[in-house]
Amino acid sequence: MAMHAQTFFLDHLRLPFRDAVIVGSSFYAVPESDSPLRLRITFARTICADEYEGLRLTVLHTDRGELDAVTLRFEDHHTFDHRDASRGRRPNESGYATIREFRDSPDWVPWKGAHTNRLRDAIEQYATVWFPATKATTAPSPTAHRATAPPPTPPVSGRAR
């Protein structure tokens, strides 16, 4: 498949789940080894053929099937803000915050220029709701331990106005 899902999920997005496999364009993980729950991540389609607006996360139970699903939109996580700004694309324009699959161009990398830190953080946050043990095993994001400086205090003037 031209989407190169394995490269996206494992190398670019760098998902922290150890027990995982890519099947076609879907990422499957078993975040907790003794649990009957599984995590599936696929590309979320738009109404246009071969166009994707984000990632669809699904929690599957081995006996009961789909328990929960959520779509993490690229636009909401600022994944393609830089790419779209450099191309002059604005929100509500065709192609904004989406990726396209071109089957005739196997070398095309649809997520080139993507910033995935916020998207990965959202995936990890969703996973800790359904798989609490993953909180201890997932690698922290580069921004997780960034200290925030207190806001600057305005200068004090001796004169009242």
Protein backbone atom coordinates (compact mmCIF):
# COMPACT_ATOMS: atom_id res chain seq x y z
CA MET A 1 0.00 0.00 0.00
CA ALA A 2 1.27 3.45 -0.87
CA MET A 3 0.50 4.75 2.64
CA HIS A 4 3.55 2.94 4.10
CA ALA A 5 1.65 2.41 7.35
CA GLN A 6 4.50 0.59 9.06
CA THR A 7 6.87 3.49 8.49
CA PHE A 8 4.28 5.99 9.72
CA PHE A 9 3.25 4.18 12.90
CA LEU A 10 6.62 2.80 13.99
CA ASP A 11 9.19 5.26 12.69
CA HIS A 12 7.44 8.60 12.25
CA LEU A 13 4.75 8.49 14.95
CA ARG A 14 6.96 6.29 17.16
CA LEU A 15 4.16 4.61 19.07
CA PRO A 16 5.43 3.16 22.36
CA PHE A 17 3.53 -0.11 22.40
CA ARG A 18 5.89 -3.10 22.50
CA ASP A 19 3.51 -5.88 21.51
CA ALA A 20 2.25 -4.49 18.19
CA VAL A 21 1.89 -5.46 14.56
CA ILE A 22 0.94 -3.73 11.32
CA VAL A 23 -1.65 -5.47 9.16
CA GLY A 24 -2.25 -3.67 5.88
CA SER A 25 -2.72 -0.05 6.88
CA SER A 26 -3.82 -0.81 10.46
CA PHE A 27 -1.77 -0.79 13.64
CA TYR A 28 -2.76 -3.39 16.26
CA ALA A 29 -1.39 -3.39 19.80
CA VAL A 30 -1.84 -5.42 22.97
CA PRO A 31 -0.92 -2.78 25.56
CA GLU A 32 -1.60 -5.08 28.53
CA SER A 33 -0.56 -8.70 28.04
CA ASP A 34 -3.18 -10.27 30.35
CA SER A 35 -6.06 -8.18 29.05
CA PRO A 36 -8.62 -9.25 26.42
CA LEU A 37 -8.54 -5.65 25.09
CA ARG A 38 -6.70 -4.62 21.94
CA LEU A 39 -5.97 -1.24 20.38
CA ARG A 40 -6.41 -0.74 16.64
CA ILE A 41 -5.33 2.45 14.89
CA THR A 42 -6.28 3.11 11.28
CA PHE A 43 -6.32 6.15 9.03
CA ALA A 44 -9.68 7.97 9.26
CA ARG A 45 -11.15 8.49 5.81
CA THR A 46 -12.89 11.61 4.55
CA ILE A 47 -15.73 11.52 2.03
CA CYS A 48 -13.13 11.72 -0.77
CA ALA A 49 -11.48 8.55 -2.02
CA ASP A 50 -7.96 7.93 -0.72
CA GLU A 51 -8.03 10.99 1.56
CA TYR A 52 -7.59 10.83 5.34
CA GLU A 53 -8.34 13.45 8.01
CA GLY A 54 -6.78 11.77 11.02
CA LEU A 55 -6.41 8.53 12.91
CA ARG A 56 -9.25 6.33 14.17
CA LEU A 57 -8.49 4.61 17.46
CA THR A 58 -10.60 1.59 18.34
CA VAL A 59 -10.60 -0.51 21.50
CA LEU A 60 -11.48 -4.11 20.67
CA HIS A 61 -12.45 -6.90 23.06
CA THR A 62 -11.44 -10.38 21.93
CA ASP A 63 -14.97 -11.75 22.55
CA ARG A 64 -17.27 -8.71 22.36
CA GLY A 65 -15.74 -6.81 19.44
CA GLU A 66 -15.59 -3.01 19.26
CA LEU A 67 -16.07 -1.28 22.62
CA ASP A 68 -15.06 2.29 21.83
CA ALA A 69 -13.77 4.37 18.95
CA VAL A 70 -12.54 7.92 18.54
CA THR A 71 -11.10 9.90 15.65
CA LEU A 72 -8.11 12.11 16.29
CA ARG A 73 -8.20 14.69 13.54
CA PHE A 74 -4.91 16.02 12.16
CA GLU A 75 -6.36 19.54 12.25
CA ASP A 76 -7.17 19.34 15.97
CA HIS A 77 -3.61 18.24 16.78
CA HIS A 78 -1.88 20.72 14.45
CA THR A 79 -0.16 17.88 12.60
CA PHE A 80 0.06 19.68 9.26
CA ASP A 81 -0.07 23.36 10.25
CA HIS A 82 3.43 24.09 8.97
CA ARG A 83 2.97 22.17 5.72
CA ASP A 84 -0.35 23.82 4.95
CA ALA A 85 0.87 27.31 5.86
CA SER A 86 3.84 26.94 3.52
CA ARG A 87 1.45 25.92 0.72
CA GLY A 88 -0.96 28.76 1.43
CA ARG A 89 -3.79 26.43 2.49
CA ARG A 90 -6.28 27.68 5.03
CA PRO A 91 -8.88 25.88 7.14
CA ASN A 92 -11.97 24.83 5.17
CA GLU A 93 -9.96 24.63 1.92
CA SER A 94 -9.61 21.36 0.05
CA GLY A 95 -6.61 19.38 1.28
CA TYR A 96 -6.18 21.30 4.52
CA ALA A 97 -4.98 19.06 7.40
CA THR A 98 -5.47 15.89 5.34
CA ILE A 99 -3.24 13.37 3.63
CA ARG A 100 -3.85 11.71 0.30
CA GLU A 101 -2.84 8.31 -0.97
CA PHE A 102 -1.54 8.19 -4.52
CA ARG A 103 -1.40 4.56 -5.62
CA ASP A 104 0.36 5.51 -8.86
CA SER A 105 3.22 7.14 -6.93
CA PRO A 106 4.70 4.53 -4.59
CA ASP A 107 7.48 6.91 -3.47
CA TRP A 108 4.99 9.58 -2.31
CA VAL A 109 5.21 10.17 1.44
CA PRO A 110 1.86 11.75 2.40
CA TRP A 111 2.87 12.83 5.90
CA LYS A 112 6.06 14.61 4.89
CA GLY A 113 6.45 17.63 7.16
CA ALA A 114 4.02 16.32 9.78
CA HIS A 115 4.50 17.31 13.40
CA THR A 116 3.23 14.32 15.36
CA ASN A 117 4.06 15.11 19.00
CA ARG A 118 0.54 16.28 19.91
CA LEU A 119 -1.03 13.39 18.00
CA ARG A 120 1.20 10.84 19.77
CA ASP A 121 0.41 12.46 23.15
CA ALA A 122 -3.33 12.15 22.42
CA ILE A 123 -2.92 8.47 21.48
CA GLU A 124 -1.01 7.80 24.70
CA GLN A 125 -3.63 9.67 26.75
CA TYR A 126 -6.45 7.65 25.14
CA ALA A 127 -4.54 4.41 25.75
CA THR A 128 -4.07 5.14 29.45
CA VAL A 129 -7.86 5.40 29.88
CA TRP A 130 -8.41 1.88 28.54
CA PHE A 131 -5.03 0.40 29.48
CA PRO A 132 -3.96 2.01 32.79
CA ALA A 133 -0.77 -0.05 33.01
CA THR A 134 0.52 1.61 29.84
CA LYS A 135 1.01 4.88 31.71
CA ALA A 136 4.06 3.39 33.39
CA THR A 137 5.47 1.80 30.24
CA THR A 138 5.00 4.53 27.63
CA ALA A 139 7.90 6.79 26.91
CA PRO A 140 7.30 10.40 27.91
CA SER A 141 7.03 12.88 25.10
CA PRO A 142 9.75 15.50 24.72
CA THR A 143 7.34 18.14 26.07
CA ALA A 144 6.12 16.11 29.05
CA HIS A 145 8.74 17.35 31.53
CA ARG A 146 9.20 20.85 30.18
CA ALA A 147 9.07 23.32 33.05
CA THR A 148 6.86 26.31 32.63
CA ALA A 149 8.20 29.66 33.71
CA PRO A 150 6.00 31.90 35.84
CA PRO A 151 4.48 34.83 33.97
CA PRO A 152 6.58 38.00 34.11
CA THR A 153 5.48 40.51 36.68
CA PRO A 154 4.73 43.98 35.36
CA PRO A 155 7.13 46.70 36.45
CA VAL A 156 6.01 48.71 39.44
CA SER A 157 5.82 52.41 38.89
CA GLY A 158 6.06 54.92 41.71
CA ARG A 159 3.43 57.19 40.19
CA ALA A 160 -0.26 56.46 40.22
CA ARG A 161 -2.28 57.52 37.20
